[in-house]
Amino acid sequence: MDGASYQRFPKIRIREMKDDYVKFELRDTDASMANALRRVMLVEVPTIAIDLVEIEVNSSVLNDEFIAHRLGLIPLTSERAMNMRFSRDCDACDGDGQCEFCSVEFHLRAKCMTDQTLDVTSKDLISSDHTVIPVDFSDSAGFDSSEQRGIIIVKLRRGQELRLRAIARKGIGKDHAKWSPAATVTFMYEPEIHINEDLMESLTLDEKRGFVESSPTKVFDIDPNTHQVVVVDREAYTYDDEVLKKAEAMGKPGLVEIYAKEDNFIFTVESTGVIKASQLVLNAIEILKQKLDAVRLSEDTVEADDQFGELGAHMRGG
C-alpha cells in the first residue's frame, strides 16, 4: 500500500552475561538484520593485533616467519580500538602505521642462561601502552598465576636468545582472522511448541516415554505426578523433526506442533578475551547503525539526483 511504513523497532533482552560470554534475545526484527549483526560481530568490530615484527636476534629452533605468525595470533586487550585510527588513514604518521594514534609498540628480550628449558610467553611482551597488553587467561582457566605464564611463543635452551620489536595495529576480521574479536557467534529462531493434550491423553505411558526419548535433546519430559508430557526446555530443540516423525510413526500426526518465531532470535556470543562480550555486542550495534546511516544517505543522494539532475551533482562538487 502506498505510504505504508515498514519500520520496526528491534528489542534486546539479556539472558546471561559474563566477561567472555553473553546470551541475549533479539526481538521484533527479521533474519536479515539478525545475520547482519552476527557478521558484524565476527568480522567488522575492530581490535588490535601485532601486524609488524622486526627480529633482531633469533637463535631458537623456530624461524623468523613462524615466530611472527605466532605473535600475530596472540590476543591483545582492545578496549581502545574503537578510538584508534586505522594505520592507512592516519595523517599523523602519513600512513606509516607507527605512531601513538594508530599503533602500539612491543619489545621482547629473552635468553636462556641455564640447562632448564625457558618458556618465552606472551607475558614477556613489554607494551608501550599499559591499556594494550596480551590477554591474561590465568583467572578464567582456573590456574594459579605461578603455574600459568601466558601463551607460549617459543622454548629456548641454554645459549639461545630471542630479541624483537613488534608493532600492533587496529584492524578487522575481514582483513585477517587475528583481528576477529569473537570466538563464536550463533543465533537461532526461538521455537514455539504446542502439545495436543487430547491426542497425548490417548497414549499409554510407554508410548509417552517413547515420544519423549525420540528427541535427541532434552526438550520434553514426563511429569512424575500427573504423567503428562511437558515441555521442559524449548530452546534445546534443534529443529531436527524427530518428535514429529515419531508422532507420525505412532499414527498420531498433529500430536505436537513446532514452528519458529521468525521475528525472535536467541544469540550466543563468545569473545576471544580482547574485549568483553557485552562490549562486542554494543560495538557491533554501533557499527551496524553507521552502515545503515550510510545506506540511507546514499539513497537520499540518488533521490536528489533524480529530482535535480546535474544541479544536484554540481552542488556536491561532482
Protein backbone atom coordinates (compact mmCIF):
# COMPACT_ATOMS: atom_id res chain seq x y z
CA MET A 1 0.00 0.00 0.00
CA ASP A 2 1.38 3.46 -0.90
CA GLY A 3 2.71 5.36 2.08
CA ALA A 4 2.79 2.28 4.32
CA SER A 5 5.60 2.21 6.87
CA TYR A 6 7.57 -1.00 7.40
CA GLN A 7 9.72 0.49 10.13
CA ARG A 8 10.40 -1.87 13.05
CA PHE A 9 11.94 -1.28 16.45
CA PRO A 10 14.12 -4.26 17.46
CA LYS A 11 14.49 -5.01 21.16
CA ILE A 12 17.22 -6.84 23.07
CA ARG A 13 16.85 -8.70 26.35
CA ILE A 14 19.93 -10.08 28.11
CA ARG A 15 19.61 -13.67 29.29
CA GLU A 16 23.10 -14.32 30.67
CA MET A 17 26.26 -12.25 30.74
CA LYS A 18 29.88 -12.90 31.71
CA ASP A 19 33.11 -11.20 30.69
CA ASP A 20 33.66 -13.53 27.75
CA TYR A 21 30.10 -14.77 27.14
CA VAL A 22 26.69 -13.25 26.59
CA LYS A 23 23.33 -14.75 25.66
CA PHE A 24 20.51 -12.46 24.60
CA GLU A 25 17.22 -12.28 22.73
CA LEU A 26 16.74 -10.12 19.65
CA ARG A 27 13.05 -9.48 19.03
CA ASP A 28 10.82 -7.68 16.55
CA THR A 29 13.13 -7.90 13.56
CA ASP A 30 13.87 -10.30 10.71
CA ALA A 31 16.61 -12.76 9.77
CA SER A 32 18.45 -10.27 7.54
CA MET A 33 19.04 -7.93 10.47
CA ALA A 34 19.99 -10.78 12.81
CA ASN A 35 22.51 -12.16 10.33
CA ALA A 36 23.91 -8.69 9.65
CA LEU A 37 24.53 -8.24 13.37
CA ARG A 38 26.19 -11.66 13.56
CA ARG A 39 28.51 -10.92 10.64
CA VAL A 40 29.45 -7.51 12.02
CA MET A 41 30.39 -9.08 15.36
CA LEU A 42 32.57 -11.64 13.59
CA VAL A 43 34.47 -9.51 11.08
CA GLU A 44 33.68 -5.80 11.40
CA VAL A 45 34.34 -4.87 15.04
CA PRO A 46 37.94 -3.56 15.19
CA THR A 47 40.56 -4.93 17.56
CA ILE A 48 44.32 -4.60 17.98
CA ALA A 49 46.81 -7.27 16.89
CA ILE A 50 50.52 -7.46 16.11
CA ASP A 51 50.98 -6.69 12.42
CA LEU A 52 54.71 -5.95 12.01
CA VAL A 53 57.64 -7.81 13.59
CA GLU A 54 61.30 -6.80 13.40
CA ILE A 55 63.50 -9.58 14.75
CA GLU A 56 66.96 -8.52 15.95
CA VAL A 57 68.23 -11.87 17.25
CA ASN A 58 66.69 -15.32 16.87
CA SER A 59 68.75 -18.41 17.68
CA SER A 60 65.72 -20.54 18.62
CA VAL A 61 64.59 -23.62 16.71
CA LEU A 62 61.73 -21.66 15.09
CA ASN A 63 62.37 -19.47 12.07
CA ASP A 64 61.52 -15.76 11.99
CA GLU A 65 58.30 -16.16 9.97
CA PHE A 66 56.94 -18.81 12.33
CA ILE A 67 57.51 -16.61 15.38
CA ALA A 68 55.98 -13.57 13.63
CA HIS A 69 52.88 -15.62 12.80
CA ARG A 70 52.53 -16.81 16.40
CA LEU A 71 52.89 -13.24 17.68
CA GLY A 72 50.14 -12.03 15.36
CA LEU A 73 47.67 -14.53 16.80
CA ILE A 74 48.22 -13.51 20.44
CA PRO A 75 45.01 -11.71 21.58
CA LEU A 76 45.62 -8.18 22.88
CA THR A 77 43.27 -6.15 25.07
CA SER A 78 41.44 -3.86 22.66
CA GLU A 79 39.14 -1.58 24.65
CA ARG A 80 40.64 1.49 22.96
CA ALA A 81 40.47 0.04 19.42
CA MET A 82 37.25 1.90 18.52
CA ASN A 83 39.01 5.22 19.23
CA MET A 84 42.24 4.39 17.39
CA ARG A 85 42.89 5.22 13.76
CA PHE A 86 43.48 2.70 11.03
CA SER A 87 47.14 2.97 10.01
CA ARG A 88 46.15 3.52 6.37
CA ASP A 89 44.06 6.55 7.38
CA CYS A 90 46.43 8.05 9.95
CA ASP A 91 47.65 11.52 8.96
CA ALA A 92 49.97 11.81 11.98
CA CYS A 93 52.44 9.31 10.52
CA ASP A 94 51.50 9.56 6.83
CA GLY A 95 50.16 6.01 6.79
CA ASP A 96 53.40 4.52 8.11
CA GLY A 97 51.43 2.93 10.95
CA GLN A 98 53.97 3.61 13.69
CA CYS A 99 52.62 6.42 15.82
CA GLU A 100 50.71 6.62 19.10
CA PHE A 101 47.40 7.31 17.33
CA CYS A 102 47.36 4.15 15.20
CA SER A 103 49.77 1.67 16.74
CA VAL A 104 51.27 0.21 19.91
CA GLU A 105 54.89 -0.91 20.19
CA PHE A 106 56.04 -4.11 21.89
CA HIS A 107 59.52 -5.36 22.81
CA LEU A 108 60.64 -8.84 23.76
CA ARG A 109 64.06 -9.83 25.08
CA ALA A 110 64.70 -13.35 26.34
CA LYS A 111 67.82 -15.51 26.71
CA CYS A 112 68.21 -18.92 28.34
CA MET A 113 71.17 -18.99 30.72
CA THR A 114 70.57 -22.37 32.42
CA ASP A 115 70.16 -26.02 31.48
CA GLN A 116 66.43 -25.76 32.16
CA THR A 117 64.21 -25.02 29.16
CA LEU A 118 62.99 -21.40 29.15
CA ASP A 119 59.40 -20.79 28.07
CA VAL A 120 59.04 -17.46 26.26
CA THR A 121 55.39 -16.45 26.56
CA SER A 122 53.04 -13.56 25.89
CA LYS A 123 53.81 -12.30 29.42
CA ASP A 124 57.33 -11.45 28.18
CA LEU A 125 55.98 -8.89 25.69
CA ILE A 126 56.56 -5.37 27.02
CA SER A 127 53.98 -2.86 25.75
CA SER A 128 54.39 0.87 25.24
CA ASP A 129 50.72 1.31 26.24
CA HIS A 130 49.51 -0.18 29.53
CA THR A 131 45.96 -0.47 28.14
CA VAL A 132 47.07 -2.76 25.30
CA ILE A 133 48.63 -5.93 26.67
CA PRO A 134 48.32 -9.67 25.97
CA VAL A 135 45.10 -11.13 27.33
CA ASP A 136 45.57 -12.90 30.66
CA PHE A 137 43.73 -16.23 30.71
CA SER A 138 45.09 -17.42 34.07
CA ASP A 139 41.98 -16.48 36.09
CA SER A 140 39.44 -17.90 33.65
CA ALA A 141 41.45 -21.09 33.15
CA GLY A 142 41.48 -21.79 36.86
CA PHE A 143 45.27 -22.00 37.16
CA ASP A 144 47.42 -20.40 39.77
CA SER A 145 49.26 -17.36 38.38
CA SER A 146 52.60 -19.01 39.17
CA GLU A 147 51.66 -22.02 37.02
CA GLN A 148 50.14 -20.16 34.08
CA ARG A 149 52.50 -17.69 32.41
CA GLY A 150 50.62 -16.83 29.26
CA ILE A 151 50.66 -18.15 25.70
CA ILE A 152 53.92 -19.87 24.78
CA ILE A 153 55.69 -18.25 21.83
CA VAL A 154 58.85 -20.38 21.74
CA LYS A 155 61.05 -22.51 24.02
CA LEU A 156 64.73 -21.73 24.45
CA ARG A 157 67.64 -23.93 25.55
CA ARG A 158 70.94 -22.79 27.04
CA GLY A 159 72.57 -20.08 24.96
CA GLN A 160 69.54 -19.48 22.72
CA GLU A 161 68.18 -15.93 22.53
CA LEU A 162 65.23 -14.02 21.10
CA ARG A 163 65.09 -10.24 20.73
CA LEU A 164 62.45 -8.46 18.70
CA ARG A 165 60.31 -5.36 18.22
CA ALA A 166 56.66 -5.63 17.21
CA ILE A 167 54.04 -3.11 16.09
CA ALA A 168 50.37 -3.76 16.85
CA ARG A 169 47.73 -2.03 14.75
CA LYS A 170 43.99 -1.67 14.53
CA GLY A 171 42.22 -3.96 12.10
CA ILE A 172 39.09 -6.01 11.43
CA GLY A 173 38.48 -9.73 10.98
CA LYS A 174 37.51 -9.18 7.34
CA ASP A 175 41.19 -8.39 6.65
CA HIS A 176 42.66 -11.18 8.81
CA ALA A 177 41.30 -13.61 11.39
CA LYS A 178 43.77 -12.35 14.02
CA TRP A 179 41.64 -9.19 14.33
CA SER A 180 38.37 -11.05 14.93
CA PRO A 181 37.11 -10.37 18.48
CA ALA A 182 34.66 -13.29 18.50
CA ALA A 183 35.41 -16.93 19.18
CA THR A 184 31.89 -17.82 18.06
CA VAL A 185 28.63 -16.02 17.33
CA THR A 186 25.48 -18.06 16.72
CA PHE A 187 21.76 -17.36 16.62
CA MET A 188 18.67 -19.49 16.29
CA TYR A 189 14.98 -18.87 15.79
CA GLU A 190 13.09 -19.03 19.07
CA PRO A 191 10.94 -22.19 18.84
CA GLU A 192 7.25 -22.31 19.75
CA ILE A 193 5.99 -25.73 20.85
CA HIS A 194 2.34 -26.72 21.36
CA ILE A 195 1.25 -30.16 22.58
CA ASN A 196 -2.18 -31.51 21.60
CA GLU A 197 -3.34 -32.57 25.05
CA ASP A 198 -6.32 -34.60 23.76
CA LEU A 199 -4.15 -36.72 21.48
CA MET A 200 -1.47 -37.04 24.17
CA GLU A 201 -4.05 -38.40 26.64
CA SER A 202 -4.80 -41.23 24.21
CA LEU A 203 -1.23 -42.54 24.53
CA THR A 204 -0.09 -45.12 27.05
CA LEU A 205 2.70 -44.29 29.49
CA ASP A 206 5.18 -46.37 27.47
CA GLU A 207 4.20 -44.55 24.27
CA LYS A 208 4.71 -41.22 26.04
CA ARG A 209 8.18 -42.34 27.15
CA GLY A 210 8.97 -43.37 23.58
CA PHE A 211 7.83 -39.97 22.33
CA VAL A 212 9.95 -38.11 24.92
CA GLU A 213 13.04 -40.24 24.21
CA SER A 214 12.73 -39.73 20.44
CA SER A 215 14.06 -36.19 20.85
CA PRO A 216 17.89 -36.08 20.67
CA THR A 217 17.87 -33.22 23.19
CA LYS A 218 16.01 -32.81 26.48
CA VAL A 219 13.04 -30.84 25.17
CA PHE A 220 10.22 -32.90 26.72
CA ASP A 221 9.76 -34.83 29.95
CA ILE A 222 7.01 -36.67 31.82
CA ASP A 223 5.59 -35.11 34.96
CA PRO A 224 6.08 -37.73 37.73
CA ASN A 225 2.81 -36.77 39.42
CA THR A 226 0.36 -36.32 36.52
CA HIS A 227 2.20 -38.44 33.89
CA GLN A 228 1.63 -35.62 31.43
CA VAL A 229 4.21 -34.83 28.73
CA VAL A 230 5.50 -31.33 29.35
CA VAL A 231 7.98 -29.00 27.63
CA VAL A 232 11.00 -28.54 29.92
CA ASP A 233 13.38 -26.68 27.60
CA ARG A 234 12.03 -25.48 24.26
CA GLU A 235 15.32 -23.81 23.37
CA ALA A 236 17.02 -27.20 23.42
CA TYR A 237 15.04 -28.08 20.29
CA THR A 238 17.35 -28.23 17.26
CA TYR A 239 14.69 -28.34 14.51
CA ASP A 240 15.55 -31.98 13.82
CA ASP A 241 11.85 -33.01 13.40
CA GLU A 242 12.48 -36.31 15.22
CA VAL A 243 9.46 -35.93 17.51
CA LEU A 244 7.26 -35.09 14.52
CA LYS A 245 8.43 -38.25 12.74
CA LYS A 246 7.81 -40.26 15.92
CA ALA A 247 4.27 -38.89 16.19
CA GLU A 248 3.53 -39.86 12.58
CA ALA A 249 5.02 -43.33 13.14
CA MET A 250 2.69 -43.74 16.11
CA GLY A 251 -0.27 -42.80 13.93
CA LYS A 252 -0.77 -39.52 15.79
CA PRO A 253 0.02 -36.70 13.33
CA GLY A 254 -0.59 -33.34 14.94
CA LEU A 255 0.43 -34.66 18.37
CA VAL A 256 2.77 -31.71 18.66
CA GLU A 257 3.14 -28.52 16.64
CA ILE A 258 6.55 -26.86 16.40
CA TYR A 259 7.31 -23.72 14.48
CA ALA A 260 9.90 -20.98 14.57
CA LYS A 261 9.10 -17.42 15.59
CA GLU A 262 10.50 -15.65 12.56
CA ASP A 263 10.98 -12.33 14.33
CA ASN A 264 12.58 -13.64 17.54
CA PHE A 265 16.19 -14.81 17.75
CA ILE A 266 18.40 -16.17 20.52
CA PHE A 267 22.06 -15.12 20.22
CA THR A 268 25.07 -16.75 21.87
CA VAL A 269 28.29 -14.72 21.73
CA GLU A 270 31.74 -15.79 22.97
CA SER A 271 34.61 -13.33 22.94
CA THR A 272 38.29 -14.17 22.47
CA GLY A 273 39.01 -12.01 25.50
CA VAL A 274 40.25 -8.94 23.65
CA ILE A 275 37.08 -7.10 24.69
CA LYS A 276 34.16 -8.10 26.90
CA ALA A 277 31.38 -9.94 25.13
CA SER A 278 28.86 -7.26 26.14
CA GLN A 279 31.10 -4.55 24.65
CA LEU A 280 31.45 -6.62 21.49
CA VAL A 281 27.67 -6.57 21.04
CA LEU A 282 27.46 -2.82 21.71
CA ASN A 283 30.31 -2.06 19.29
CA ALA A 284 28.67 -4.21 16.62
CA ILE A 285 25.35 -2.39 17.01
CA GLU A 286 27.12 0.97 16.70
CA ILE A 287 28.95 -0.13 13.53
CA LEU A 288 25.74 -1.53 12.06
CA LYS A 289 23.99 1.79 12.74
CA GLN A 290 26.78 3.62 10.91
CA LYS A 291 26.40 1.31 7.92
CA LEU A 292 22.64 1.80 7.81
CA ASP A 293 23.10 5.58 8.04
CA ALA A 294 25.49 5.39 5.08
CA VAL A 295 22.92 3.42 3.07
CA ARG A 296 20.20 5.92 3.91
CA LEU A 297 22.47 8.81 2.92
CA SER A 298 23.26 7.18 -0.41
CA GLU A 299 19.54 6.66 -1.07
CA ASP A 300 18.89 10.33 -0.32
CA THR A 301 21.68 11.24 -2.74
CA VAL A 302 20.16 9.12 -5.53
CA GLU A 303 16.75 10.71 -4.92
CA ALA A 304 18.32 14.18 -5.09
CA ASP A 305 20.00 13.31 -8.38
CA ASP A 306 16.70 12.09 -9.80
CA GLN A 307 14.98 15.30 -8.73
CA PHE A 308 17.63 17.91 -9.53
CA GLY A 309 19.73 16.13 -12.17
CA GLU A 310 23.08 17.78 -12.94
CA LEU A 311 22.38 20.57 -10.46
CA GLY A 312 22.41 18.11 -7.54
CA ALA A 313 25.71 16.60 -8.64
CA HIS A 314 27.21 20.08 -9.15
CA MET A 315 26.19 21.16 -5.63
CA ARG A 316 28.07 18.13 -4.21
CA GLY A 317 31.12 19.03 -6.25
CA GLY A 318 30.62 16.21 -8.80
